[in-house]
Amino acid sequence: MEQLTSVCGSFEARVLAARLYDEGIDAELRGALDSPYGFTVGDMARVDVFVPLEQSQDAQFVLLAIEVDAATELPEPSYLSRPLTWPFWIVLVAFVLAVFSPLVHSLAY
């Protein structure tokens, strides 16, 4: 077995192992996996990922593909995460009043 990489946290390690397994590569995880303390930072959370020597080249290609996917991922549009501000609400109220006030005025007379 050869060490492929080290990751921080058991969740990330299990996701990487699943991705390697999906590509037909056997992976072994060693480190802070099932610790009752659940560390998520630093050396206490380090998990080493090992692969067989004959599959190490393929595993490195999988790591490269993961990095390329992360680098080419489009960011989330900012208008979806931005809260609506007070000018928006003022314009919305003015629009509603402009549309519905003639309607209410015509119904009143």
PDB file of N, CA and C in Angstrom:
ATOM      1  N   MET A   1       0.847  -1.180   0.000  1.00  0.00           N
ATOM      2  CA  MET A   1       0.000   0.000   0.000  1.00  0.00           C
ATOM      3  C   MET A   1       0.895   1.248   0.000  1.00  0.00           C
ATOM      4  N   GLU A   2       0.450   2.234  -0.734  1.00  0.00           N
ATOM      5  CA  GLU A   2       1.192   3.493  -0.846  1.00  0.00           C
ATOM      6  C   GLU A   2       0.254   4.636  -0.445  1.00  0.00           C
ATOM      7  N   GLN A   3       0.802   5.597   0.301  1.00  0.00           N
ATOM      8  CA  GLN A   3      -0.018   6.727   0.719  1.00  0.00           C
ATOM      9  C   GLN A   3      -0.285   7.626  -0.482  1.00  0.00           C
ATOM     10  N   LEU A   4      -1.556   7.859  -0.740  1.00  0.00           N
ATOM     11  CA  LEU A   4      -1.954   8.712  -1.846  1.00  0.00           C
ATOM     12  C   LEU A   4      -2.008  10.166  -1.409  1.00  0.00           C
ATOM     13  N   THR A   5      -2.699  10.430  -0.326  1.00  0.00           N
ATOM     14  CA  THR A   5      -2.842  11.789   0.178  1.00  0.00           C
ATOM     15  C   THR A   5      -3.324  11.749   1.616  1.00  0.00           C
ATOM     16  N   SER A   6      -3.388  12.909   2.211  1.00  0.00           N
ATOM     17  CA  SER A   6      -3.982  13.072   3.535  1.00  0.00           C
ATOM     18  C   SER A   6      -5.066  14.117   3.433  1.00  0.00           C
ATOM     19  N   VAL A   7      -6.178  13.871   4.090  1.00  0.00           N
ATOM     20  CA  VAL A   7      -7.283  14.822   4.094  1.00  0.00           C
ATOM     21  C   VAL A   7      -7.639  15.150   5.531  1.00  0.00           C
ATOM     22  N   CYS A   8      -8.381  16.210   5.690  1.00  0.00           N
ATOM     23  CA  CYS A   8      -8.762  16.670   7.022  1.00  0.00           C
ATOM     24  C   CYS A   8     -10.219  16.315   7.272  1.00  0.00           C
ATOM     25  N   GLY A   9     -10.459  15.370   8.150  1.00  0.00           N
ATOM     26  CA  GLY A   9     -11.812  14.992   8.510  1.00  0.00           C
ATOM     27  C   GLY A   9     -12.239  13.680   7.885  1.00  0.00           C
ATOM     28  N   SER A  10     -13.075  12.956   8.628  1.00  0.00           N
ATOM     29  CA  SER A  10     -13.494  11.643   8.156  1.00  0.00           C
ATOM     30  C   SER A  10     -14.501  11.735   7.014  1.00  0.00           C
ATOM     31  N   PHE A  11     -15.307  12.793   6.974  1.00  0.00           N
ATOM     32  CA  PHE A  11     -16.283  12.924   5.896  1.00  0.00           C
ATOM     33  C   PHE A  11     -15.584  13.055   4.546  1.00  0.00           C
ATOM     34  N   GLU A  12     -14.613  13.960   4.475  1.00  0.00           N
ATOM     35  CA  GLU A  12     -13.875  14.158   3.237  1.00  0.00           C
ATOM     36  C   GLU A  12     -13.129  12.883   2.839  1.00  0.00           C
ATOM     37  N   ALA A  13     -12.609  12.164   3.822  1.00  0.00           N
ATOM     38  CA  ALA A  13     -11.883  10.928   3.535  1.00  0.00           C
ATOM     39  C   ALA A  13     -12.819   9.866   2.975  1.00  0.00           C
ATOM     40  N   ARG A  14     -13.996   9.756   3.543  1.00  0.00           N
ATOM     41  CA  ARG A  14     -14.951   8.755   3.053  1.00  0.00           C
ATOM     42  C   ARG A  14     -15.470   9.108   1.658  1.00  0.00           C
ATOM     43  N   VAL A  15     -15.648  10.392   1.376  1.00  0.00           N
ATOM     44  CA  VAL A  15     -16.068  10.803   0.046  1.00  0.00           C
ATOM     45  C   VAL A  15     -14.987  10.471  -0.978  1.00  0.00           C
ATOM     46  N   LEU A  16     -13.734  10.741  -0.633  1.00  0.00           N
ATOM     47  CA  LEU A  16     -12.625  10.417  -1.528  1.00  0.00           C
ATOM     48  C   LEU A  16     -12.516   8.914  -1.737  1.00  0.00           C
ATOM     49  N   ALA A  17     -12.670   8.145  -0.684  1.00  0.00           N
ATOM     50  CA  ALA A  17     -12.608   6.688  -0.810  1.00  0.00           C
ATOM     51  C   ALA A  17     -13.746   6.175  -1.692  1.00  0.00           C
ATOM     52  N   ALA A  18     -14.926   6.774  -1.568  1.00  0.00           N
ATOM     53  CA  ALA A  18     -16.050   6.373  -2.412  1.00  0.00           C
ATOM     54  C   ALA A  18     -15.786   6.713  -3.870  1.00  0.00           C
ATOM     55  N   ARG A  19     -15.183   7.862  -4.113  1.00  0.00           N
ATOM     56  CA  ARG A  19     -14.861   8.247  -5.493  1.00  0.00           C
ATOM     57  C   ARG A  19     -13.821   7.301  -6.081  1.00  0.00           C
ATOM     58  N   LEU A  20     -12.821   6.929  -5.295  1.00  0.00           N
ATOM     59  CA  LEU A  20     -11.814   5.978  -5.760  1.00  0.00           C
ATOM     60  C   LEU A  20     -12.436   4.605  -6.014  1.00  0.00           C
ATOM     61  N   TYR A  21     -13.297   4.179  -5.111  1.00  0.00           N
ATOM     62  CA  TYR A  21     -13.957   2.889  -5.274  1.00  0.00           C
ATOM     63  C   TYR A  21     -14.826   2.876  -6.528  1.00  0.00           C
ATOM     64  N   ASP A  22     -15.474   4.006  -6.810  1.00  0.00           N
ATOM     65  CA  ASP A  22     -16.302   4.127  -8.005  1.00  0.00           C
ATOM     66  C   ASP A  22     -15.477   3.972  -9.275  1.00  0.00           C
ATOM     67  N   GLU A  23     -14.217   4.375  -9.211  1.00  0.00           N
ATOM     68  CA  GLU A  23     -13.319   4.241 -10.354  1.00  0.00           C
ATOM     69  C   GLU A  23     -12.611   2.886 -10.383  1.00  0.00           C
ATOM     70  N   GLY A  24     -12.939   2.001  -9.441  1.00  0.00           N
ATOM     71  CA  GLY A  24     -12.347   0.672  -9.419  1.00  0.00           C
ATOM     72  C   GLY A  24     -11.039   0.585  -8.674  1.00  0.00           C
ATOM     73  N   ILE A  25     -10.768   1.552  -7.812  1.00  0.00           N
ATOM     74  CA  ILE A  25      -9.510   1.588  -7.066  1.00  0.00           C
ATOM     75  C   ILE A  25      -9.801   1.288  -5.602  1.00  0.00           C
ATOM     76  N   ASP A  26      -9.059   0.327  -5.056  1.00  0.00           N
ATOM     77  CA  ASP A  26      -9.207  -0.003  -3.637  1.00  0.00           C
ATOM     78  C   ASP A  26      -8.514   1.065  -2.808  1.00  0.00           C
ATOM     79  N   ALA A  27      -9.193   1.521  -1.767  1.00  0.00           N
ATOM     80  CA  ALA A  27      -8.613   2.548  -0.901  1.00  0.00           C
ATOM     81  C   ALA A  27      -8.748   2.111   0.545  1.00  0.00           C
ATOM     82  N   GLU A  28      -7.730   2.439   1.312  1.00  0.00           N
ATOM     83  CA  GLU A  28      -7.735   2.150   2.739  1.00  0.00           C
ATOM     84  C   GLU A  28      -7.529   3.464   3.484  1.00  0.00           C
ATOM     85  N   LEU A  29      -8.352   3.691   4.483  1.00  0.00           N
ATOM     86  CA  LEU A  29      -8.273   4.923   5.268  1.00  0.00           C
ATOM     87  C   LEU A  29      -7.644   4.613   6.616  1.00  0.00           C
ATOM     88  N   ARG A  30      -6.712   5.459   7.016  1.00  0.00           N
ATOM     89  CA  ARG A  30      -6.054   5.300   8.320  1.00  0.00           C
ATOM     90  C   ARG A  30      -5.984   6.653   8.995  1.00  0.00           C
ATOM     91  N   GLY A  31      -6.322   6.669  10.245  1.00  0.00           N
ATOM     92  CA  GLY A  31      -6.238   7.913  11.006  1.00  0.00           C
ATOM     93  C   GLY A  31      -7.464   8.112  11.869  1.00  0.00           C
ATOM     94  N   ALA A  32      -7.854   9.349  12.041  1.00  0.00           N
ATOM     95  CA  ALA A  32      -8.951   9.725  12.932  1.00  0.00           C
ATOM     96  C   ALA A  32     -10.293   9.549  12.239  1.00  0.00           C
ATOM     97  N   LEU A  33     -10.700   8.295  12.054  1.00  0.00           N
ATOM     98  CA  LEU A  33     -11.952   8.029  11.354  1.00  0.00           C
ATOM     99  C   LEU A  33     -13.142   7.977  12.292  1.00  0.00           C
ATOM    100  N   ASP A  34     -13.115   7.049  13.187  1.00  0.00           N
ATOM    101  CA  ASP A  34     -14.257   6.847  14.070  1.00  0.00           C
ATOM    102  C   ASP A  34     -13.942   7.267  15.492  1.00  0.00           C
ATOM    103  N   SER A  35     -13.293   8.391  15.614  1.00  0.00           N
ATOM    104  CA  SER A  35     -12.927   8.903  16.919  1.00  0.00           C
ATOM    105  C   SER A  35     -14.173   9.437  17.627  1.00  0.00           C
ATOM    106  N   PRO A  36     -14.313   9.195  18.907  1.00  0.00           N
ATOM    107  CA  PRO A  36     -15.480   9.722  19.613  1.00  0.00           C
ATOM    108  C   PRO A  36     -15.432  11.237  19.790  1.00  0.00           C
ATOM    109  N   TYR A  37     -14.278  11.836  19.528  1.00  0.00           N
ATOM    110  CA  TYR A  37     -14.133  13.272  19.734  1.00  0.00           C
ATOM    111  C   TYR A  37     -14.502  14.080  18.498  1.00  0.00           C
ATOM    112  N   GLY A  38     -14.394  13.522  17.327  1.00  0.00           N
ATOM    113  CA  GLY A  38     -14.810  14.183  16.105  1.00  0.00           C
ATOM    114  C   GLY A  38     -14.042  15.445  15.774  1.00  0.00           C
ATOM    115  N   PHE A  39     -12.733  15.396  15.857  1.00  0.00           N
ATOM    116  CA  PHE A  39     -11.933  16.561  15.503  1.00  0.00           C
ATOM    117  C   PHE A  39     -12.077  16.858  14.013  1.00  0.00           C
ATOM    118  N   THR A  40     -12.089  18.136  13.658  1.00  0.00           N
ATOM    119  CA  THR A  40     -12.245  18.495  12.250  1.00  0.00           C
ATOM    120  C   THR A  40     -11.130  19.410  11.748  1.00  0.00           C
ATOM    121  N   VAL A  41     -10.172  19.756  12.589  1.00  0.00           N
ATOM    122  CA  VAL A  41      -9.071  20.617  12.160  1.00  0.00           C
ATOM    123  C   VAL A  41      -7.761  20.080  12.705  1.00  0.00           C
ATOM    124  N   GLY A  42      -6.688  20.434  12.013  1.00  0.00           N
ATOM    125  CA  GLY A  42      -5.357  20.110  12.497  1.00  0.00           C
ATOM    126  C   GLY A  42      -4.977  18.663  12.292  1.00  0.00           C
ATOM    127  N   ASP A  43      -3.862  18.284  12.908  1.00  0.00           N
ATOM    128  CA  ASP A  43      -3.351  16.923  12.770  1.00  0.00           C
ATOM    129  C   ASP A  43      -4.230  15.893  13.468  1.00  0.00           C
ATOM    130  N   MET A  44      -5.030  16.321  14.407  1.00  0.00           N
ATOM    131  CA  MET A  44      -5.911  15.379  15.092  1.00  0.00           C
ATOM    132  C   MET A  44      -7.020  14.871  14.173  1.00  0.00           C
ATOM    133  N   ALA A  45      -7.312  15.592  13.111  1.00  0.00           N
ATOM    134  CA  ALA A  45      -8.361  15.192  12.174  1.00  0.00           C
ATOM    135  C   ALA A  45      -7.799  14.590  10.896  1.00  0.00           C
ATOM    136  N   ARG A  46      -6.509  14.431  10.798  1.00  0.00           N
ATOM    137  CA  ARG A  46      -5.884  13.948   9.563  1.00  0.00           C
ATOM    138  C   ARG A  46      -6.213  12.482   9.328  1.00  0.00           C
ATOM    139  N   VAL A  47      -6.620  12.206   8.099  1.00  0.00           N
ATOM    140  CA  VAL A  47      -6.886  10.834   7.670  1.00  0.00           C
ATOM    141  C   VAL A  47      -6.015  10.576   6.445  1.00  0.00           C
ATOM    142  N   ASP A  48      -5.228   9.520   6.507  1.00  0.00           N
ATOM    143  CA  ASP A  48      -4.367   9.156   5.388  1.00  0.00           C
ATOM    144  C   ASP A  48      -5.104   8.178   4.485  1.00  0.00           C
ATOM    145  N   VAL A  49      -4.980   8.397   3.190  1.00  0.00           N
ATOM    146  CA  VAL A  49      -5.617   7.534   2.197  1.00  0.00           C
ATOM    147  C   VAL A  49      -4.513   6.729   1.514  1.00  0.00           C
ATOM    148  N   PHE A  50      -4.647   5.421   1.590  1.00  0.00           N
ATOM    149  CA  PHE A  50      -3.671   4.521   0.999  1.00  0.00           C
ATOM    150  C   PHE A  50      -4.325   3.741  -0.135  1.00  0.00           C
ATOM    151  N   VAL A  51      -3.553   3.490  -1.182  1.00  0.00           N
ATOM    152  CA  VAL A  51      -4.014   2.688  -2.318  1.00  0.00           C
ATOM    153  C   VAL A  51      -2.941   1.651  -2.639  1.00  0.00           C
ATOM    154  N   PRO A  52      -3.316   0.557  -3.306  1.00  0.00           N
ATOM    155  CA  PRO A  52      -2.304  -0.418  -3.713  1.00  0.00           C
ATOM    156  C   PRO A  52      -1.313   0.203  -4.691  1.00  0.00           C
ATOM    157  N   LEU A  53      -0.099  -0.278  -4.651  1.00  0.00           N
ATOM    158  CA  LEU A  53       0.961   0.267  -5.497  1.00  0.00           C
ATOM    159  C   LEU A  53       0.611   0.223  -6.977  1.00  0.00           C
ATOM    160  N   GLU A  54       0.007  -0.858  -7.423  1.00  0.00           N
ATOM    161  CA  GLU A  54      -0.297  -0.987  -8.846  1.00  0.00           C
ATOM    162  C   GLU A  54      -1.446  -0.073  -9.290  1.00  0.00           C
ATOM    163  N   GLN A  55      -2.196   0.487  -8.342  1.00  0.00           N
ATOM    164  CA  GLN A  55      -3.300   1.383  -8.677  1.00  0.00           C
ATOM    165  C   GLN A  55      -2.985   2.838  -8.342  1.00  0.00           C
ATOM    166  N   SER A  56      -1.774   3.135  -7.921  1.00  0.00           N
ATOM    167  CA  SER A  56      -1.461   4.489  -7.458  1.00  0.00           C
ATOM    168  C   SER A  56      -1.501   5.507  -8.591  1.00  0.00           C
ATOM    169  N   GLN A  57      -1.074   5.130  -9.779  1.00  0.00           N
ATOM    170  CA  GLN A  57      -1.106   6.066 -10.916  1.00  0.00           C
ATOM    171  C   GLN A  57      -2.548   6.435 -11.265  1.00  0.00           C
ATOM    172  N   ASP A  58      -3.421   5.438 -11.293  1.00  0.00           N
ATOM    173  CA  ASP A  58      -4.834   5.706 -11.581  1.00  0.00           C
ATOM    174  C   ASP A  58      -5.457   6.573 -10.485  1.00  0.00           C
ATOM    175  N   ALA A  59      -5.074   6.322  -9.247  1.00  0.00           N
ATOM    176  CA  ALA A  59      -5.606   7.107  -8.135  1.00  0.00           C
ATOM    177  C   ALA A  59      -5.151   8.558  -8.227  1.00  0.00           C
ATOM    178  N   GLN A  60      -3.939   8.789  -8.686  1.00  0.00           N
ATOM    179  CA  GLN A  60      -3.470  10.165  -8.859  1.00  0.00           C
ATOM    180  C   GLN A  60      -4.249  10.878  -9.960  1.00  0.00           C
ATOM    181  N   PHE A  61      -4.623  10.152 -11.011  1.00  0.00           N
ATOM    182  CA  PHE A  61      -5.463  10.735 -12.059  1.00  0.00           C
ATOM    183  C   PHE A  61      -6.843  11.096 -11.524  1.00  0.00           C
ATOM    184  N   VAL A  62      -7.369  10.277 -10.610  1.00  0.00           N
ATOM    185  CA  VAL A  62      -8.666  10.587  -9.998  1.00  0.00           C
ATOM    186  C   VAL A  62      -8.557  11.853  -9.155  1.00  0.00           C
ATOM    187  N   LEU A  63      -7.464  11.990  -8.401  1.00  0.00           N
ATOM    188  CA  LEU A  63      -7.252  13.210  -7.623  1.00  0.00           C
ATOM    189  C   LEU A  63      -7.149  14.432  -8.535  1.00  0.00           C
ATOM    190  N   LEU A  64      -6.470  14.276  -9.656  1.00  0.00           N
ATOM    191  CA  LEU A  64      -6.352  15.365 -10.620  1.00  0.00           C
ATOM    192  C   LEU A  64      -7.718  15.735 -11.183  1.00  0.00           C
ATOM    193  N   ALA A  65      -8.529  14.738 -11.476  1.00  0.00           N
ATOM    194  CA  ALA A  65      -9.876  15.004 -12.000  1.00  0.00           C
ATOM    195  C   ALA A  65     -10.728  15.734 -10.969  1.00  0.00           C
ATOM    196  N   ILE A  66     -10.582  15.395  -9.704  1.00  0.00           N
ATOM    197  CA  ILE A  66     -11.323  16.078  -8.637  1.00  0.00           C
ATOM    198  C   ILE A  66     -10.907  17.539  -8.566  1.00  0.00           C
ATOM    199  N   GLU A  67      -9.605  17.795  -8.673  1.00  0.00           N
ATOM    200  CA  GLU A  67      -9.109  19.169  -8.631  1.00  0.00           C
ATOM    201  C   GLU A  67      -9.597  19.974  -9.833  1.00  0.00           C
ATOM    202  N   VAL A  68      -9.603  19.347 -11.011  1.00  0.00           N
ATOM    203  CA  VAL A  68     -10.072  20.036 -12.213  1.00  0.00           C
ATOM    204  C   VAL A  68     -11.559  20.351 -12.086  1.00  0.00           C
ATOM    205  N   ASP A  69     -12.339  19.405 -11.577  1.00  0.00           N
ATOM    206  CA  ASP A  69     -13.767  19.648 -11.372  1.00  0.00           C
ATOM    207  C   ASP A  69     -13.998  20.810 -10.415  1.00  0.00           C
ATOM    208  N   ALA A  70     -13.206  20.867  -9.360  1.00  0.00           N
ATOM    209  CA  ALA A  70     -13.366  21.947  -8.382  1.00  0.00           C
ATOM    210  C   ALA A  70     -12.956  23.294  -8.970  1.00  0.00           C
ATOM    211  N   ALA A  71     -11.937  23.284  -9.813  1.00  0.00           N
ATOM    212  CA  ALA A  71     -11.451  24.542 -10.388  1.00  0.00           C
ATOM    213  C   ALA A  71     -12.370  25.075 -11.469  1.00  0.00           C
ATOM    214  N   THR A  72     -13.053  24.199 -12.185  1.00  0.00           N
ATOM    215  CA  THR A  72     -13.912  24.646 -13.283  1.00  0.00           C
ATOM    216  C   THR A  72     -15.372  24.789 -12.883  1.00  0.00           C
ATOM    217  N   GLU A  73     -15.676  24.585 -11.635  1.00  0.00           N
ATOM    218  CA  GLU A  73     -17.057  24.719 -11.168  1.00  0.00           C
ATOM    219  C   GLU A  73     -17.453  26.187 -11.163  1.00  0.00           C
ATOM    220  N   LEU A  74     -18.618  26.465 -11.709  1.00  0.00           N
ATOM    221  CA  LEU A  74     -19.091  27.838 -11.763  1.00  0.00           C
ATOM    222  C   LEU A  74     -19.564  28.294 -10.388  1.00  0.00           C
ATOM    223  N   PRO A  75     -19.278  29.536 -10.028  1.00  0.00           N
ATOM    224  CA  PRO A  75     -19.749  30.025  -8.727  1.00  0.00           C
ATOM    225  C   PRO A  75     -21.257  30.246  -8.761  1.00  0.00           C
ATOM    226  N   GLU A  76     -21.839  30.204  -7.593  1.00  0.00           N
ATOM    227  CA  GLU A  76     -23.273  30.455  -7.469  1.00  0.00           C
ATOM    228  C   GLU A  76     -23.538  31.929  -7.747  1.00  0.00           C
ATOM    229  N   PRO A  77     -24.587  32.233  -8.515  1.00  0.00           N
ATOM    230  CA  PRO A  77     -24.881  33.647  -8.785  1.00  0.00           C
ATOM    231  C   PRO A  77     -25.115  34.418  -7.485  1.00  0.00           C
ATOM    232  N   SER A  78     -24.576  35.613  -7.429  1.00  0.00           N
ATOM    233  CA  SER A  78     -24.641  36.379  -6.185  1.00  0.00           C
ATOM    234  C   SER A  78     -26.043  36.879  -5.895  1.00  0.00           C
ATOM    235  N   TYR A  79     -26.876  37.062  -6.919  1.00  0.00           N
ATOM    236  CA  TYR A  79     -28.208  37.586  -6.661  1.00  0.00           C
ATOM    237  C   TYR A  79     -29.091  36.566  -5.948  1.00  0.00           C
ATOM    238  N   LEU A  80     -28.723  35.285  -5.967  1.00  0.00           N
ATOM    239  CA  LEU A  80     -29.508  34.280  -5.264  1.00  0.00           C
ATOM    240  C   LEU A  80     -29.220  34.274  -3.770  1.00  0.00           C
ATOM    241  N   SER A  81     -28.029  34.630  -3.398  1.00  0.00           N
ATOM    242  CA  SER A  81     -27.655  34.590  -1.990  1.00  0.00           C
ATOM    243  C   SER A  81     -27.780  35.947  -1.307  1.00  0.00           C
ATOM    244  N   ARG A  82     -28.019  37.004  -2.085  1.00  0.00           N
ATOM    245  CA  ARG A  82     -28.081  38.347  -1.528  1.00  0.00           C
ATOM    246  C   ARG A  82     -29.487  38.624  -0.997  1.00  0.00           C
ATOM    247  N   PRO A  83     -29.633  39.115   0.236  1.00  0.00           N
ATOM    248  CA  PRO A  83     -30.965  39.444   0.744  1.00  0.00           C
ATOM    249  C   PRO A  83     -31.515  40.694   0.047  1.00  0.00           C
ATOM    250  N   LEU A  84     -32.815  40.773  -0.007  1.00  0.00           N
ATOM    251  CA  LEU A  84     -33.450  41.928  -0.629  1.00  0.00           C
ATOM    252  C   LEU A  84     -33.267  43.145   0.275  1.00  0.00           C
ATOM    253  N   THR A  85     -32.913  44.277  -0.314  1.00  0.00           N
ATOM    254  CA  THR A  85     -32.624  45.476   0.465  1.00  0.00           C
ATOM    255  C   THR A  85     -33.831  46.410   0.486  1.00  0.00           C
ATOM    256  N   TRP A  86     -33.747  47.451   1.283  1.00  0.00           N
ATOM    257  CA  TRP A  86     -34.880  48.363   1.458  1.00  0.00           C
ATOM    258  C   TRP A  86     -35.236  49.115   0.184  1.00  0.00           C
ATOM    259  N   PRO A  87     -34.306  49.490  -0.706  1.00  0.00           N
ATOM    260  CA  PRO A  87     -34.747  50.148  -1.943  1.00  0.00           C
ATOM    261  C   PRO A  87     -35.649  49.246  -2.791  1.00  0.00           C
ATOM    262  N   PHE A  88     -35.371  47.960  -2.779  1.00  0.00           N
ATOM    263  CA  PHE A  88     -36.228  47.036  -3.516  1.00  0.00           C
ATOM    264  C   PHE A  88     -37.649  47.082  -2.985  1.00  0.00           C
ATOM    265  N   TRP A  89     -37.794  47.086  -1.667  1.00  0.00           N
ATOM    266  CA  TRP A  89     -39.136  47.090  -1.074  1.00  0.00           C
ATOM    267  C   TRP A  89     -39.865  48.403  -1.358  1.00  0.00           C
ATOM    268  N   ILE A  90     -39.136  49.517  -1.355  1.00  0.00           N
ATOM    269  CA  ILE A  90     -39.775  50.807  -1.654  1.00  0.00           C
ATOM    270  C   ILE A  90     -40.278  50.824  -3.098  1.00  0.00           C
ATOM    271  N   VAL A  91     -39.474  50.356  -4.032  1.00  0.00           N
ATOM    272  CA  VAL A  91     -39.886  50.307  -5.434  1.00  0.00           C
ATOM    273  C   VAL A  91     -41.067  49.353  -5.602  1.00  0.00           C
ATOM    274  N   LEU A  92     -41.054  48.232  -4.911  1.00  0.00           N
ATOM    275  CA  LEU A  92     -42.157  47.282  -5.002  1.00  0.00           C
ATOM    276  C   LEU A  92     -43.456  47.880  -4.482  1.00  0.00           C
ATOM    277  N   VAL A  93     -43.424  48.571  -3.355  1.00  0.00           N
ATOM    278  CA  VAL A  93     -44.631  49.199  -2.798  1.00  0.00           C
ATOM    279  C   VAL A  93     -45.128  50.298  -3.718  1.00  0.00           C
ATOM    280  N   ALA A  94     -44.229  51.098  -4.263  1.00  0.00           N
ATOM    281  CA  ALA A  94     -44.640  52.157  -5.190  1.00  0.00           C
ATOM    282  C   ALA A  94     -45.283  51.567  -6.440  1.00  0.00           C
ATOM    283  N   PHE A  95     -44.753  50.470  -6.951  1.00  0.00           N
ATOM    284  CA  PHE A  95     -45.330  49.821  -8.120  1.00  0.00           C
ATOM    285  C   PHE A  95     -46.716  49.283  -7.825  1.00  0.00           C
ATOM    286  N   VAL A  96     -46.870  48.626  -6.690  1.00  0.00           N
ATOM    287  CA  VAL A  96     -48.179  48.080  -6.319  1.00  0.00           C
ATOM    288  C   VAL A  96     -49.190  49.204  -6.147  1.00  0.00           C
ATOM    289  N   LEU A  97     -48.812  50.301  -5.510  1.00  0.00           N
ATOM    290  CA  LEU A  97     -49.729  51.434  -5.350  1.00  0.00           C
ATOM    291  C   LEU A  97     -50.091  52.047  -6.697  1.00  0.00           C
ATOM    292  N   ALA A  98     -49.134  52.152  -7.590  1.00  0.00           N
ATOM    293  CA  ALA A  98     -49.405  52.735  -8.906  1.00  0.00           C
ATOM    294  C   ALA A  98     -50.338  51.857  -9.720  1.00  0.00           C
ATOM    295  N   VAL A  99     -50.255  50.565  -9.557  1.00  0.00           N
ATOM    296  CA  VAL A  99     -51.104  49.658 -10.334  1.00  0.00           C
ATOM    297  C   VAL A  99     -52.490  49.540  -9.725  1.00  0.00           C
ATOM    298  N   PHE A 100     -52.580  49.433  -8.416  1.00  0.00           N
ATOM    299  CA  PHE A 100     -53.864  49.145  -7.790  1.00  0.00           C
ATOM    300  C   PHE A 100     -54.656  50.374  -7.361  1.00  0.00           C
ATOM    301  N   SER A 101     -54.046  51.521  -7.215  1.00  0.00           N
ATOM    302  CA  SER A 101     -54.823  52.693  -6.793  1.00  0.00           C
ATOM    303  C   SER A 101     -55.834  53.127  -7.848  1.00  0.00           C
ATOM    304  N   PRO A 102     -55.535  53.134  -9.157  1.00  0.00           N
ATOM    305  CA  PRO A 102     -56.598  53.460 -10.120  1.00  0.00           C
ATOM    306  C   PRO A 102     -57.734  52.431 -10.102  1.00  0.00           C
ATOM    307  N   LEU A 103     -57.379  51.184  -9.873  1.00  0.00           N
ATOM    308  CA  LEU A 103     -58.398  50.144  -9.809  1.00  0.00           C
ATOM    309  C   LEU A 103     -59.318  50.348  -8.616  1.00  0.00           C
ATOM    310  N   VAL A 104     -58.757  50.654  -7.477  1.00  0.00           N
ATOM    311  CA  VAL A 104     -59.552  50.908  -6.272  1.00  0.00           C
ATOM    312  C   VAL A 104     -60.363  52.192  -6.445  1.00  0.00           C
ATOM    313  N   HIS A 105     -59.798  53.201  -7.067  1.00  0.00           N
ATOM    314  CA  HIS A 105     -60.492  54.459  -7.290  1.00  0.00           C
ATOM    315  C   HIS A 105     -61.684  54.257  -8.224  1.00  0.00           C
ATOM    316  N   SER A 106     -61.556  53.435  -9.254  1.00  0.00           N
ATOM    317  CA  SER A 106     -62.665  53.204 -10.168  1.00  0.00           C
ATOM    318  C   SER A 106     -63.760  52.368  -9.520  1.00  0.00           C
ATOM    319  N   LEU A 107     -63.411  51.484  -8.610  1.00  0.00           N
ATOM    320  CA  LEU A 107     -64.411  50.707  -7.911  1.00  0.00           C
ATOM    321  C   LEU A 107     -65.168  51.528  -6.880  1.00  0.00           C
ATOM    322  N   ALA A 108     -64.508  52.542  -6.350  1.00  0.00           N
ATOM    323  CA  ALA A 108     -65.133  53.386  -5.323  1.00  0.00           C
ATOM    324  C   ALA A 108     -66.208  54.302  -5.942  1.00  0.00           C
ATOM    325  N   TYR A 109     -66.081  54.677  -7.196  1.00  0.00           N
ATOM    326  CA  TYR A 109     -67.049  55.596  -7.829  1.00  0.00           C
ATOM    327  C   TYR A 109     -67.884  54.894  -8.814  1.00  0.00           C
TER     328      TYR A 109
END
